[in-house]
């Protein structure tokens, strides 16, 4: 089952969820701020995005700026960065959609990417 971590105050998340519903794609919605992705989910997403750690971060978010991650992230270890993401859902790029058993790992909402990844579901 596709698990979609989303935030109700995020228009991109609302658009993604609306798109999934309009295409009758089943999913479980998870409130990302209350329940961030697990370390295993973050590692799977990182691998699916060729190790591009920055791709997993909500770089336009207030928490990202407040923590000075623009300067810290390039020198952080992957384990430290993933631990930070797993503890603070505000830092995670959203929506964050994963179905590890079917090798579906989507971060952010680009309709063409989602259509290609979820075709035939």
PDB file of N, CA and C in Angstrom:
ATOM      1  N   UNK A   1       0.852  -1.183   0.000  1.00  0.00           N
ATOM      2  CA  UNK A   1       0.000   0.000   0.000  1.00  0.00           C
ATOM      3  C   UNK A   1       0.893   1.240   0.000  1.00  0.00           C
ATOM      4  N   UNK A   2       0.520   2.189  -0.816  1.00  0.00           N
ATOM      5  CA  UNK A   2       1.237   3.458  -0.878  1.00  0.00           C
ATOM      6  C   UNK A   2       0.969   4.240   0.397  1.00  0.00           C
ATOM      7  N   UNK A   3       2.035   4.697   1.039  1.00  0.00           N
ATOM      8  CA  UNK A   3       1.922   5.516   2.240  1.00  0.00           C
ATOM      9  C   UNK A   3       2.332   6.927   1.847  1.00  0.00           C
ATOM     10  N   UNK A   4       1.451   7.901   2.088  1.00  0.00           N
ATOM     11  CA  UNK A   4       1.723   9.280   1.706  1.00  0.00           C
ATOM     12  C   UNK A   4       1.793  10.134   2.964  1.00  0.00           C
ATOM     13  N   UNK A   5       2.998  10.628   3.233  1.00  0.00           N
ATOM     14  CA  UNK A   5       3.203  11.543   4.349  1.00  0.00           C
ATOM     15  C   UNK A   5       2.885  12.936   3.829  1.00  0.00           C
ATOM     16  N   UNK A   6       1.935  13.603   4.483  1.00  0.00           N
ATOM     17  CA  UNK A   6       1.483  14.900   3.999  1.00  0.00           C
ATOM     18  C   UNK A   6       1.167  15.820   5.174  1.00  0.00           C
ATOM     19  N   UNK A   7       1.043  17.098   4.849  1.00  0.00           N
ATOM     20  CA  UNK A   7       0.668  18.120   5.832  1.00  0.00           C
ATOM     21  C   UNK A   7      -0.556  18.843   5.290  1.00  0.00           C
ATOM     22  N   UNK A   8      -1.606  18.920   6.080  1.00  0.00           N
ATOM     23  CA  UNK A   8      -2.874  19.485   5.607  1.00  0.00           C
ATOM     24  C   UNK A   8      -2.759  20.954   5.200  1.00  0.00           C
ATOM     25  N   UNK A   9      -1.790  21.672   5.751  1.00  0.00           N
ATOM     26  CA  UNK A   9      -1.606  23.076   5.409  1.00  0.00           C
ATOM     27  C   UNK A   9      -0.768  23.297   4.158  1.00  0.00           C
ATOM     28  N   UNK A  10      -0.397  22.226   3.493  1.00  0.00           N
ATOM     29  CA  UNK A  10       0.482  22.292   2.317  1.00  0.00           C
ATOM     30  C   UNK A  10      -0.353  22.104   1.048  1.00  0.00           C
ATOM     31  N   UNK A  11      -0.378  23.110   0.195  1.00  0.00           N
ATOM     32  CA  UNK A  11      -1.183  23.021  -1.031  1.00  0.00           C
ATOM     33  C   UNK A  11      -0.650  21.937  -1.970  1.00  0.00           C
ATOM     34  N   UNK A  12       0.652  21.733  -1.994  1.00  0.00           N
ATOM     35  CA  UNK A  12       1.220  20.683  -2.848  1.00  0.00           C
ATOM     36  C   UNK A  12       0.746  19.308  -2.371  1.00  0.00           C
ATOM     37  N   UNK A  13       0.701  19.121  -1.073  1.00  0.00           N
ATOM     38  CA  UNK A  13       0.195  17.857  -0.518  1.00  0.00           C
ATOM     39  C   UNK A  13      -1.279  17.673  -0.876  1.00  0.00           C
ATOM     40  N   UNK A  14      -2.060  18.723  -0.720  1.00  0.00           N
ATOM     41  CA  UNK A  14      -3.486  18.623  -1.053  1.00  0.00           C
ATOM     42  C   UNK A  14      -3.667  18.272  -2.526  1.00  0.00           C
ATOM     43  N   UNK A  15      -2.851  18.876  -3.397  1.00  0.00           N
ATOM     44  CA  UNK A  15      -2.938  18.571  -4.828  1.00  0.00           C
ATOM     45  C   UNK A  15      -2.588  17.109  -5.103  1.00  0.00           C
ATOM     46  N   UNK A  16      -1.562  16.606  -4.439  1.00  0.00           N
ATOM     47  CA  UNK A  16      -1.156  15.214  -4.629  1.00  0.00           C
ATOM     48  C   UNK A  16      -2.251  14.256  -4.173  1.00  0.00           C
ATOM     49  N   UNK A  17      -2.828  14.519  -3.011  1.00  0.00           N
ATOM     50  CA  UNK A  17      -3.884  13.653  -2.487  1.00  0.00           C
ATOM     51  C   UNK A  17      -5.123  13.702  -3.386  1.00  0.00           C
ATOM     52  N   UNK A  18      -5.449  14.885  -3.868  1.00  0.00           N
ATOM     53  CA  UNK A  18      -6.577  15.039  -4.792  1.00  0.00           C
ATOM     54  C   UNK A  18      -6.314  14.245  -6.071  1.00  0.00           C
ATOM     55  N   UNK A  19      -5.084  14.312  -6.570  1.00  0.00           N
ATOM     56  CA  UNK A  19      -4.713  13.587  -7.779  1.00  0.00           C
ATOM     57  C   UNK A  19      -4.847  12.076  -7.560  1.00  0.00           C
ATOM     58  N   UNK A  20      -4.350  11.584  -6.425  1.00  0.00           N
ATOM     59  CA  UNK A  20      -4.462  10.151  -6.118  1.00  0.00           C
ATOM     60  C   UNK A  20      -5.922   9.711  -6.067  1.00  0.00           C
ATOM     61  N   UNK A  21      -6.755  10.505  -5.405  1.00  0.00           N
ATOM     62  CA  UNK A  21      -8.179  10.163  -5.298  1.00  0.00           C
ATOM     63  C   UNK A  21      -8.848  10.179  -6.676  1.00  0.00           C
ATOM     64  N   UNK A  22      -8.518  11.180  -7.496  1.00  0.00           N
ATOM     65  CA  UNK A  22      -9.152  11.281  -8.816  1.00  0.00           C
ATOM     66  C   UNK A  22      -8.745  10.138  -9.744  1.00  0.00           C
ATOM     67  N   UNK A  23      -7.607   9.504  -9.438  1.00  0.00           N
ATOM     68  CA  UNK A  23      -7.145   8.360 -10.236  1.00  0.00           C
ATOM     69  C   UNK A  23      -7.409   7.020  -9.536  1.00  0.00           C
ATOM     70  N   UNK A  24      -8.199   7.082  -8.462  1.00  0.00           N
ATOM     71  CA  UNK A  24      -8.607   5.878  -7.708  1.00  0.00           C
ATOM     72  C   UNK A  24      -7.409   5.023  -7.287  1.00  0.00           C
ATOM     73  N   UNK A  25      -6.349   5.709  -6.860  1.00  0.00           N
ATOM     74  CA  UNK A  25      -5.155   5.009  -6.379  1.00  0.00           C
ATOM     75  C   UNK A  25      -5.246   4.934  -4.854  1.00  0.00           C
ATOM     76  N   UNK A  26      -5.313   3.732  -4.301  1.00  0.00           N
ATOM     77  CA  UNK A  26      -5.428   3.604  -2.850  1.00  0.00           C
ATOM     78  C   UNK A  26      -4.139   4.027  -2.142  1.00  0.00           C
ATOM     79  N   UNK A  27      -4.305   4.658  -0.991  1.00  0.00           N
ATOM     80  CA  UNK A  27      -3.152   5.112  -0.213  1.00  0.00           C
ATOM     81  C   UNK A  27      -3.549   5.285   1.244  1.00  0.00           C
ATOM     82  N   UNK A  28      -2.545   5.257   2.091  1.00  0.00           N
ATOM     83  CA  UNK A  28      -2.714   5.588   3.500  1.00  0.00           C
ATOM     84  C   UNK A  28      -2.063   6.938   3.715  1.00  0.00           C
ATOM     85  N   UNK A  29      -2.817   7.877   4.262  1.00  0.00           N
ATOM     86  CA  UNK A  29      -2.279   9.205   4.540  1.00  0.00           C
ATOM     87  C   UNK A  29      -1.744   9.250   5.964  1.00  0.00           C
ATOM     88  N   UNK A  30      -0.552   9.825   6.109  1.00  0.00           N
ATOM     89  CA  UNK A  30       0.092   9.954   7.412  1.00  0.00           C
ATOM     90  C   UNK A  30       0.426  11.428   7.630  1.00  0.00           C
ATOM     91  N   UNK A  31       0.104  11.951   8.796  1.00  0.00           N
ATOM     92  CA  UNK A  31       0.413  13.345   9.121  1.00  0.00           C
ATOM     93  C   UNK A  31       1.922  13.463   9.368  1.00  0.00           C
ATOM     94  N   UNK A  32       2.618  14.068   8.428  1.00  0.00           N
ATOM     95  CA  UNK A  32       4.083  14.093   8.443  1.00  0.00           C
ATOM     96  C   UNK A  32       4.670  14.835   9.641  1.00  0.00           C
ATOM     97  N   UNK A  33       3.993  15.854  10.120  1.00  0.00           N
ATOM     98  CA  UNK A  33       4.526  16.602  11.256  1.00  0.00           C
ATOM     99  C   UNK A  33       4.459  15.781  12.540  1.00  0.00           C
ATOM    100  N   UNK A  34       3.408  14.978  12.670  1.00  0.00           N
ATOM    101  CA  UNK A  34       3.228  14.160  13.872  1.00  0.00           C
ATOM    102  C   UNK A  34       3.967  12.839  13.783  1.00  0.00           C
ATOM    103  N   UNK A  35       4.031  12.265  12.576  1.00  0.00           N
ATOM    104  CA  UNK A  35       4.665  10.961  12.375  1.00  0.00           C
ATOM    105  C   UNK A  35       5.594  11.053  11.166  1.00  0.00           C
ATOM    106  N   UNK A  36       6.830  11.497  11.382  1.00  0.00           N
ATOM    107  CA  UNK A  36       7.776  11.582  10.258  1.00  0.00           C
ATOM    108  C   UNK A  36       8.122  10.197   9.716  1.00  0.00           C
ATOM    109  N   UNK A  37       8.623  10.138   8.492  1.00  0.00           N
ATOM    110  CA  UNK A  37       9.055   8.844   7.945  1.00  0.00           C
ATOM    111  C   UNK A  37      10.119   8.198   8.838  1.00  0.00           C
ATOM    112  N   UNK A  38      10.130   6.877   8.848  1.00  0.00           N
ATOM    113  CA  UNK A  38      11.113   6.133   9.638  1.00  0.00           C
ATOM    114  C   UNK A  38      12.483   6.193   8.967  1.00  0.00           C
ATOM    115  N   UNK A  39      13.499   5.798   9.703  1.00  0.00           N
ATOM    116  CA  UNK A  39      14.842   5.745   9.129  1.00  0.00           C
ATOM    117  C   UNK A  39      14.878   4.815   7.920  1.00  0.00           C
ATOM    118  N   UNK A  40      14.195   3.679   8.009  1.00  0.00           N
ATOM    119  CA  UNK A  40      14.164   2.728   6.885  1.00  0.00           C
ATOM    120  C   UNK A  40      13.512   3.363   5.662  1.00  0.00           C
ATOM    121  N   UNK A  41      12.425   4.087   5.868  1.00  0.00           N
ATOM    122  CA  UNK A  41      11.736   4.754   4.750  1.00  0.00           C
ATOM    123  C   UNK A  41      12.610   5.855   4.154  1.00  0.00           C
ATOM    124  N   UNK A  42      13.279   6.588   5.004  1.00  0.00           N
ATOM    125  CA  UNK A  42      14.171   7.652   4.530  1.00  0.00           C
ATOM    126  C   UNK A  42      15.351   7.073   3.747  1.00  0.00           C
ATOM    127  N   UNK A  43      15.893   5.954   4.223  1.00  0.00           N
ATOM    128  CA  UNK A  43      17.013   5.312   3.508  1.00  0.00           C
ATOM    129  C   UNK A  43      16.563   4.808   2.143  1.00  0.00           C
ATOM    130  N   UNK A  44      15.359   4.252   2.069  1.00  0.00           N
ATOM    131  CA  UNK A  44      14.827   3.774   0.788  1.00  0.00           C
ATOM    132  C   UNK A  44      14.634   4.944  -0.173  1.00  0.00           C
ATOM    133  N   UNK A  45      14.120   6.059   0.329  1.00  0.00           N
ATOM    134  CA  UNK A  45      13.905   7.240  -0.511  1.00  0.00           C
ATOM    135  C   UNK A  45      15.241   7.799  -0.982  1.00  0.00           C
ATOM    136  N   UNK A  46      16.208   7.838  -0.091  1.00  0.00           N
ATOM    137  CA  UNK A  46      17.537   8.341  -0.446  1.00  0.00           C
ATOM    138  C   UNK A  46      18.153   7.497  -1.554  1.00  0.00           C
ATOM    139  N   UNK A  47      18.046   6.195  -1.427  1.00  0.00           N
ATOM    140  CA  UNK A  47      18.584   5.289  -2.449  1.00  0.00           C
ATOM    141  C   UNK A  47      17.878   5.500  -3.787  1.00  0.00           C
ATOM    142  N   UNK A  48      16.565   5.712  -3.742  1.00  0.00           N
ATOM    143  CA  UNK A  48      15.788   5.910  -4.971  1.00  0.00           C
ATOM    144  C   UNK A  48      16.133   7.226  -5.667  1.00  0.00           C
ATOM    145  N   UNK A  49      16.709   8.149  -4.918  1.00  0.00           N
ATOM    146  CA  UNK A  49      17.090   9.452  -5.476  1.00  0.00           C
ATOM    147  C   UNK A  49      18.613   9.593  -5.564  1.00  0.00           C
ATOM    148  N   UNK A  50      19.259   8.458  -5.802  1.00  0.00           N
ATOM    149  CA  UNK A  50      20.707   8.422  -6.056  1.00  0.00           C
ATOM    150  C   UNK A  50      21.550   9.108  -4.987  1.00  0.00           C
ATOM    151  N   UNK A  51      21.116   8.982  -3.738  1.00  0.00           N
ATOM    152  CA  UNK A  51      21.897   9.520  -2.633  1.00  0.00           C
ATOM    153  C   UNK A  51      21.862  11.034  -2.496  1.00  0.00           C
ATOM    154  N   UNK A  52      20.925  11.692  -3.199  1.00  0.00           N
ATOM    155  CA  UNK A  52      20.814  13.155  -3.130  1.00  0.00           C
ATOM    156  C   UNK A  52      20.066  13.545  -1.859  1.00  0.00           C
ATOM    157  N   UNK A  53      20.819  13.728  -0.792  1.00  0.00           N
ATOM    158  CA  UNK A  53      20.261  14.009   0.528  1.00  0.00           C
ATOM    159  C   UNK A  53      19.421  15.279   0.536  1.00  0.00           C
ATOM    160  N   UNK A  54      19.879  16.287  -0.158  1.00  0.00           N
ATOM    161  CA  UNK A  54      19.166  17.571  -0.189  1.00  0.00           C
ATOM    162  C   UNK A  54      17.743  17.397  -0.728  1.00  0.00           C
ATOM    163  N   UNK A  55      17.545  16.428  -1.602  1.00  0.00           N
ATOM    164  CA  UNK A  55      16.235  16.185  -2.204  1.00  0.00           C
ATOM    165  C   UNK A  55      15.187  15.788  -1.163  1.00  0.00           C
ATOM    166  N   UNK A  56      15.626  15.259  -0.031  1.00  0.00           N
ATOM    167  CA  UNK A  56      14.697  14.821   1.011  1.00  0.00           C
ATOM    168  C   UNK A  56      14.291  15.941   1.964  1.00  0.00           C
ATOM    169  N   UNK A  57      14.987  17.057   1.892  1.00  0.00           N
ATOM    170  CA  UNK A  57      14.746  18.162   2.821  1.00  0.00           C
ATOM    171  C   UNK A  57      13.793  19.198   2.235  1.00  0.00           C
ATOM    172  N   UNK A  58      12.951  19.746   3.092  1.00  0.00           N
ATOM    173  CA  UNK A  58      12.076  20.859   2.749  1.00  0.00           C
ATOM    174  C   UNK A  58      12.934  22.126   2.877  1.00  0.00           C
ATOM    175  N   UNK A  59      13.676  22.415   1.819  1.00  0.00           N
ATOM    176  CA  UNK A  59      14.674  23.497   1.873  1.00  0.00           C
ATOM    177  C   UNK A  59      14.040  24.882   1.946  1.00  0.00           C
ATOM    178  N   UNK A  60      12.757  24.997   1.696  1.00  0.00           N
ATOM    179  CA  UNK A  60      12.103  26.300   1.796  1.00  0.00           C
ATOM    180  C   UNK A  60      11.381  26.482   3.131  1.00  0.00           C
ATOM    181  N   UNK A  61      11.493  25.484   3.995  1.00  0.00           N
ATOM    182  CA  UNK A  61      10.789  25.540   5.274  1.00  0.00           C
ATOM    183  C   UNK A  61      11.479  26.377   6.331  1.00  0.00           C
ATOM    184  N   UNK A  62      10.703  26.854   7.277  1.00  0.00           N
ATOM    185  CA  UNK A  62      11.229  27.685   8.366  1.00  0.00           C
ATOM    186  C   UNK A  62      12.209  26.918   9.249  1.00  0.00           C
ATOM    187  N   UNK A  63      11.913  25.654   9.526  1.00  0.00           N
ATOM    188  CA  UNK A  63      12.803  24.868  10.385  1.00  0.00           C
ATOM    189  C   UNK A  63      14.169  24.693   9.720  1.00  0.00           C
ATOM    190  N   UNK A  64      14.174  24.463   8.415  1.00  0.00           N
ATOM    191  CA  UNK A  64      15.425  24.304   7.653  1.00  0.00           C
ATOM    192  C   UNK A  64      16.282  25.561   7.803  1.00  0.00           C
ATOM    193  N   UNK A  65      15.647  26.704   7.643  1.00  0.00           N
ATOM    194  CA  UNK A  65      16.376  27.983   7.768  1.00  0.00           C
ATOM    195  C   UNK A  65      16.809  28.247   9.208  1.00  0.00           C
ATOM    196  N   UNK A  66      15.894  28.001  10.145  1.00  0.00           N
ATOM    197  CA  UNK A  66      16.191  28.272  11.558  1.00  0.00           C
ATOM    198  C   UNK A  66      17.370  27.439  12.064  1.00  0.00           C
ATOM    199  N   UNK A  67      17.503  26.232  11.560  1.00  0.00           N
ATOM    200  CA  UNK A  67      18.596  25.347  11.986  1.00  0.00           C
ATOM    201  C   UNK A  67      19.881  25.573  11.186  1.00  0.00           C
ATOM    202  N   UNK A  68      19.829  26.483  10.229  1.00  0.00           N
ATOM    203  CA  UNK A  68      21.018  26.785   9.425  1.00  0.00           C
ATOM    204  C   UNK A  68      21.481  25.595   8.594  1.00  0.00           C
ATOM    205  N   UNK A  69      20.548  24.806   8.114  1.00  0.00           N
ATOM    206  CA  UNK A  69      20.915  23.568   7.419  1.00  0.00           C
ATOM    207  C   UNK A  69      21.522  23.805   6.042  1.00  0.00           C
ATOM    208  N   UNK A  70      21.317  24.971   5.480  1.00  0.00           N
ATOM    209  CA  UNK A  70      21.936  25.260   4.183  1.00  0.00           C
ATOM    210  C   UNK A  70      23.455  25.090   4.281  1.00  0.00           C
ATOM    211  N   UNK A  71      24.013  25.543   5.403  1.00  0.00           N
ATOM    212  CA  UNK A  71      25.457  25.441   5.612  1.00  0.00           C
ATOM    213  C   UNK A  71      25.865  24.135   6.288  1.00  0.00           C
ATOM    214  N   UNK A  72      25.002  23.590   7.142  1.00  0.00           N
ATOM    215  CA  UNK A  72      25.343  22.387   7.900  1.00  0.00           C
ATOM    216  C   UNK A  72      25.190  21.099   7.097  1.00  0.00           C
ATOM    217  N   UNK A  73      24.176  21.056   6.231  1.00  0.00           N
ATOM    218  CA  UNK A  73      23.869  19.823   5.514  1.00  0.00           C
ATOM    219  C   UNK A  73      25.046  19.286   4.695  1.00  0.00           C
ATOM    220  N   UNK A  74      25.782  20.140   3.984  1.00  0.00           N
ATOM    221  CA  UNK A  74      26.892  19.608   3.179  1.00  0.00           C
ATOM    222  C   UNK A  74      27.984  18.895   3.983  1.00  0.00           C
ATOM    223  N   UNK A  75      28.079  19.181   5.277  1.00  0.00           N
ATOM    224  CA  UNK A  75      29.129  18.557   6.088  1.00  0.00           C
ATOM    225  C   UNK A  75      28.575  17.528   7.086  1.00  0.00           C
ATOM    226  N   UNK A  76      27.262  17.327   7.074  1.00  0.00           N
ATOM    227  CA  UNK A  76      26.651  16.341   7.968  1.00  0.00           C
ATOM    228  C   UNK A  76      26.851  14.938   7.413  1.00  0.00           C
ATOM    229  N   UNK A  77      26.919  13.973   8.306  1.00  0.00           N
ATOM    230  CA  UNK A  77      26.937  12.584   7.845  1.00  0.00           C
ATOM    231  C   UNK A  77      25.520  12.225   7.390  1.00  0.00           C
ATOM    232  N   UNK A  78      25.429  11.234   6.548  1.00  0.00           N
ATOM    233  CA  UNK A  78      24.115  10.780   6.078  1.00  0.00           C
ATOM    234  C   UNK A  78      23.285  10.298   7.258  1.00  0.00           C
ATOM    235  N   UNK A  79      23.906   9.552   8.166  1.00  0.00           N
ATOM    236  CA  UNK A  79      23.170   9.047   9.331  1.00  0.00           C
ATOM    237  C   UNK A  79      22.614  10.178  10.186  1.00  0.00           C
ATOM    238  N   UNK A  80      23.411  11.228  10.404  1.00  0.00           N
ATOM    239  CA  UNK A  80      22.943  12.365  11.204  1.00  0.00           C
ATOM    240  C   UNK A  80      21.801  13.096  10.499  1.00  0.00           C
ATOM    241  N   UNK A  81      21.921  13.268   9.195  1.00  0.00           N
ATOM    242  CA  UNK A  81      20.876  13.956   8.437  1.00  0.00           C
ATOM    243  C   UNK A  81      19.573  13.154   8.454  1.00  0.00           C
ATOM    244  N   UNK A  82      19.667  11.849   8.260  1.00  0.00           N
ATOM    245  CA  UNK A  82      18.463  11.017   8.260  1.00  0.00           C
ATOM    246  C   UNK A  82      17.824  10.963   9.647  1.00  0.00           C
ATOM    247  N   UNK A  83      18.645  10.947  10.681  1.00  0.00           N
ATOM    248  CA  UNK A  83      18.120  10.957  12.053  1.00  0.00           C
ATOM    249  C   UNK A  83      17.346  12.255  12.295  1.00  0.00           C
ATOM    250  N   UNK A  84      17.898  13.365  11.836  1.00  0.00           N
ATOM    251  CA  UNK A  84      17.242  14.664  11.976  1.00  0.00           C
ATOM    252  C   UNK A  84      15.880  14.659  11.260  1.00  0.00           C
ATOM    253  N   UNK A  85      15.848  14.131  10.047  1.00  0.00           N
ATOM    254  CA  UNK A  85      14.591  14.049   9.296  1.00  0.00           C
ATOM    255  C   UNK A  85      13.576  13.154  10.002  1.00  0.00           C
ATOM    256  N   UNK A  86      14.044  12.040  10.559  1.00  0.00           N
ATOM    257  CA  UNK A  86      13.134  11.096  11.210  1.00  0.00           C
ATOM    258  C   UNK A  86      12.551  11.646  12.507  1.00  0.00           C
ATOM    259  N   UNK A  87      13.157  12.702  13.023  1.00  0.00           N
ATOM    260  CA  UNK A  87      12.699  13.301  14.281  1.00  0.00           C
ATOM    261  C   UNK A  87      11.907  14.593  14.082  1.00  0.00           C
ATOM    262  N   UNK A  88      11.940  15.149  12.870  1.00  0.00           N
ATOM    263  CA  UNK A  88      11.271  16.427  12.627  1.00  0.00           C
ATOM    264  C   UNK A  88      10.619  16.414  11.248  1.00  0.00           C
ATOM    265  N   UNK A  89       9.329  16.096  11.214  1.00  0.00           N
ATOM    266  CA  UNK A  89       8.597  16.019   9.961  1.00  0.00           C
ATOM    267  C   UNK A  89       8.543  17.323   9.191  1.00  0.00           C
ATOM    268  N   UNK A  90       8.728  18.457   9.885  1.00  0.00           N
ATOM    269  CA  UNK A  90       8.745  19.746   9.192  1.00  0.00           C
ATOM    270  C   UNK A  90       9.937  19.861   8.248  1.00  0.00           C
ATOM    271  N   UNK A  91      10.979  19.105   8.496  1.00  0.00           N
ATOM    272  CA  UNK A  91      12.182  19.178   7.663  1.00  0.00           C
ATOM    273  C   UNK A  91      12.078  18.330   6.397  1.00  0.00           C
ATOM    274  N   UNK A  92      11.110  17.424   6.352  1.00  0.00           N
ATOM    275  CA  UNK A  92      10.996  16.479   5.239  1.00  0.00           C
ATOM    276  C   UNK A  92      10.245  17.116   4.069  1.00  0.00           C
ATOM    277  N   UNK A  93      10.810  16.984   2.882  1.00  0.00           N
ATOM    278  CA  UNK A  93      10.139  17.441   1.653  1.00  0.00           C
ATOM    279  C   UNK A  93       8.836  16.672   1.524  1.00  0.00           C
ATOM    280  N   UNK A  94       7.781  17.400   1.195  1.00  0.00           N
ATOM    281  CA  UNK A  94       6.481  16.765   1.123  1.00  0.00           C
ATOM    282  C   UNK A  94       5.770  17.112  -0.178  1.00  0.00           C
ATOM    283  N   UNK A  95       4.841  16.288  -0.562  1.00  0.00           N
ATOM    284  CA  UNK A  95       4.504  15.000   0.032  1.00  0.00           C
ATOM    285  C   UNK A  95       5.625  13.986  -0.168  1.00  0.00           C
ATOM    286  N   UNK A  96       5.652  13.023   0.710  1.00  0.00           N
ATOM    287  CA  UNK A  96       6.650  11.967   0.735  1.00  0.00           C
ATOM    288  C   UNK A  96       5.857  10.678   0.596  1.00  0.00           C
ATOM    289  N   UNK A  97       5.915  10.074  -0.580  1.00  0.00           N
ATOM    290  CA  UNK A  97       5.094   8.888  -0.860  1.00  0.00           C
ATOM    291  C   UNK A  97       5.986   7.674  -1.082  1.00  0.00           C
ATOM    292  N   UNK A  98       5.675   6.594  -0.369  1.00  0.00           N
ATOM    293  CA  UNK A  98       6.531   5.412  -0.454  1.00  0.00           C
ATOM    294  C   UNK A  98       5.717   4.128  -0.373  1.00  0.00           C
ATOM    295  N   UNK A  99       6.106   3.205  -1.196  1.00  0.00           N
ATOM    296  CA  UNK A  99       5.613   1.837  -1.144  1.00  0.00           C
ATOM    297  C   UNK A  99       6.847   0.990  -1.446  1.00  0.00           C
ATOM    298  N   UNK A 100       7.622   0.715  -0.421  1.00  0.00           N
ATOM    299  CA  UNK A 100       8.919   0.052  -0.592  1.00  0.00           C
ATOM    300  C   UNK A 100       8.774  -1.318  -1.254  1.00  0.00           C
ATOM    301  N   UNK A 101       7.709  -2.044  -0.945  1.00  0.00           N
ATOM    302  CA  UNK A 101       7.552  -3.379  -1.524  1.00  0.00           C
ATOM    303  C   UNK A 101       7.364  -3.330  -3.038  1.00  0.00           C
ATOM    304  N   UNK A 102       6.858  -2.221  -3.552  1.00  0.00           N
ATOM    305  CA  UNK A 102       6.680  -2.048  -4.996  1.00  0.00           C
ATOM    306  C   UNK A 102       7.685  -1.058  -5.594  1.00  0.00           C
ATOM    307  N   UNK A 103       8.687  -0.700  -4.792  1.00  0.00           N
ATOM    308  CA  UNK A 103       9.770   0.198  -5.219  1.00  0.00           C
ATOM    309  C   UNK A 103       9.255   1.533  -5.754  1.00  0.00           C
ATOM    310  N   UNK A 104       8.281   2.101  -5.035  1.00  0.00           N
ATOM    311  CA  UNK A 104       7.763   3.418  -5.379  1.00  0.00           C
ATOM    312  C   UNK A 104       8.243   4.391  -4.309  1.00  0.00           C
ATOM    313  N   UNK A 105       9.009   5.378  -4.745  1.00  0.00           N
ATOM    314  CA  UNK A 105       9.558   6.381  -3.837  1.00  0.00           C
ATOM    315  C   UNK A 105       9.434   7.747  -4.507  1.00  0.00           C
ATOM    316  N   UNK A 106       8.482   8.546  -4.039  1.00  0.00           N
ATOM    317  CA  UNK A 106       8.229   9.857  -4.625  1.00  0.00           C
ATOM    318  C   UNK A 106       8.318  10.920  -3.547  1.00  0.00           C
ATOM    319  N   UNK A 107       9.008  11.999  -3.872  1.00  0.00           N
ATOM    320  CA  UNK A 107       9.107  13.115  -2.936  1.00  0.00           C
ATOM    321  C   UNK A 107       8.786  14.383  -3.714  1.00  0.00           C
ATOM    322  N   UNK A 108       7.927  15.231  -3.119  1.00  0.00           N
ATOM    323  CA  UNK A 108       7.413  16.372  -3.859  1.00  0.00           C
ATOM    324  C   UNK A 108       6.332  15.861  -4.800  1.00  0.00           C
ATOM    325  N   UNK A 109       5.584  16.776  -5.407  1.00  0.00           N
ATOM    326  CA  UNK A 109       4.531  16.336  -6.330  1.00  0.00           C
ATOM    327  C   UNK A 109       4.749  16.940  -7.707  1.00  0.00           C
ATOM    328  N   UNK A 110       5.154  16.070  -8.604  1.00  0.00           N
ATOM    329  CA  UNK A 110       5.234  16.412 -10.024  1.00  0.00           C
ATOM    330  C   UNK A 110       4.343  15.388 -10.713  1.00  0.00           C
ATOM    331  N   UNK A 111       3.237  15.857 -11.255  1.00  0.00           N
ATOM    332  CA  UNK A 111       2.218  14.951 -11.781  1.00  0.00           C
ATOM    333  C   UNK A 111       2.781  13.925 -12.758  1.00  0.00           C
ATOM    334  N   UNK A 112       3.673  14.336 -13.652  1.00  0.00           N
ATOM    335  CA  UNK A 112       4.235  13.401 -14.629  1.00  0.00           C
ATOM    336  C   UNK A 112       5.009  12.275 -13.949  1.00  0.00           C
ATOM    337  N   UNK A 113       5.788  12.608 -12.914  1.00  0.00           N
ATOM    338  CA  UNK A 113       6.544  11.595 -12.182  1.00  0.00           C
ATOM    339  C   UNK A 113       5.592  10.626 -11.473  1.00  0.00           C
ATOM    340  N   UNK A 114       4.575  11.169 -10.846  1.00  0.00           N
ATOM    341  CA  UNK A 114       3.630  10.321 -10.112  1.00  0.00           C
ATOM    342  C   UNK A 114       2.871   9.429 -11.084  1.00  0.00           C
ATOM    343  N   UNK A 115       2.469   9.974 -12.217  1.00  0.00           N
ATOM    344  CA  UNK A 115       1.728   9.182 -13.216  1.00  0.00           C
ATOM    345  C   UNK A 115       2.602   8.007 -13.682  1.00  0.00           C
ATOM    346  N   UNK A 116       3.864   8.287 -13.996  1.00  0.00           N
ATOM    347  CA  UNK A 116       4.762   7.233 -14.476  1.00  0.00           C
ATOM    348  C   UNK A 116       4.995   6.167 -13.406  1.00  0.00           C
ATOM    349  N   UNK A 117       5.202   6.594 -12.168  1.00  0.00           N
ATOM    350  CA  UNK A 117       5.500   5.663 -11.080  1.00  0.00           C
ATOM    351  C   UNK A 117       4.285   4.835 -10.663  1.00  0.00           C
ATOM    352  N   UNK A 118       3.113   5.419 -10.806  1.00  0.00           N
ATOM    353  CA  UNK A 118       1.904   4.758 -10.286  1.00  0.00           C
ATOM    354  C   UNK A 118       1.014   4.190 -11.391  1.00  0.00           C
ATOM    355  N   UNK A 119       1.497   4.156 -12.605  1.00  0.00           N
ATOM    356  CA  UNK A 119       0.711   3.615 -13.729  1.00  0.00           C
ATOM    357  C   UNK A 119       0.313   2.170 -13.431  1.00  0.00           C
ATOM    358  N   UNK A 120      -0.913   1.861 -13.713  1.00  0.00           N
ATOM    359  CA  UNK A 120      -1.388   0.491 -13.528  1.00  0.00           C
ATOM    360  C   UNK A 120      -1.768   0.121 -12.123  1.00  0.00           C
ATOM    361  N   UNK A 121      -1.864   1.073 -11.240  1.00  0.00           N
ATOM    362  CA  UNK A 121      -2.263   0.761  -9.846  1.00  0.00           C
ATOM    363  C   UNK A 121      -3.751   0.858  -9.687  1.00  0.00           C
TER     364      UNK A 121
END
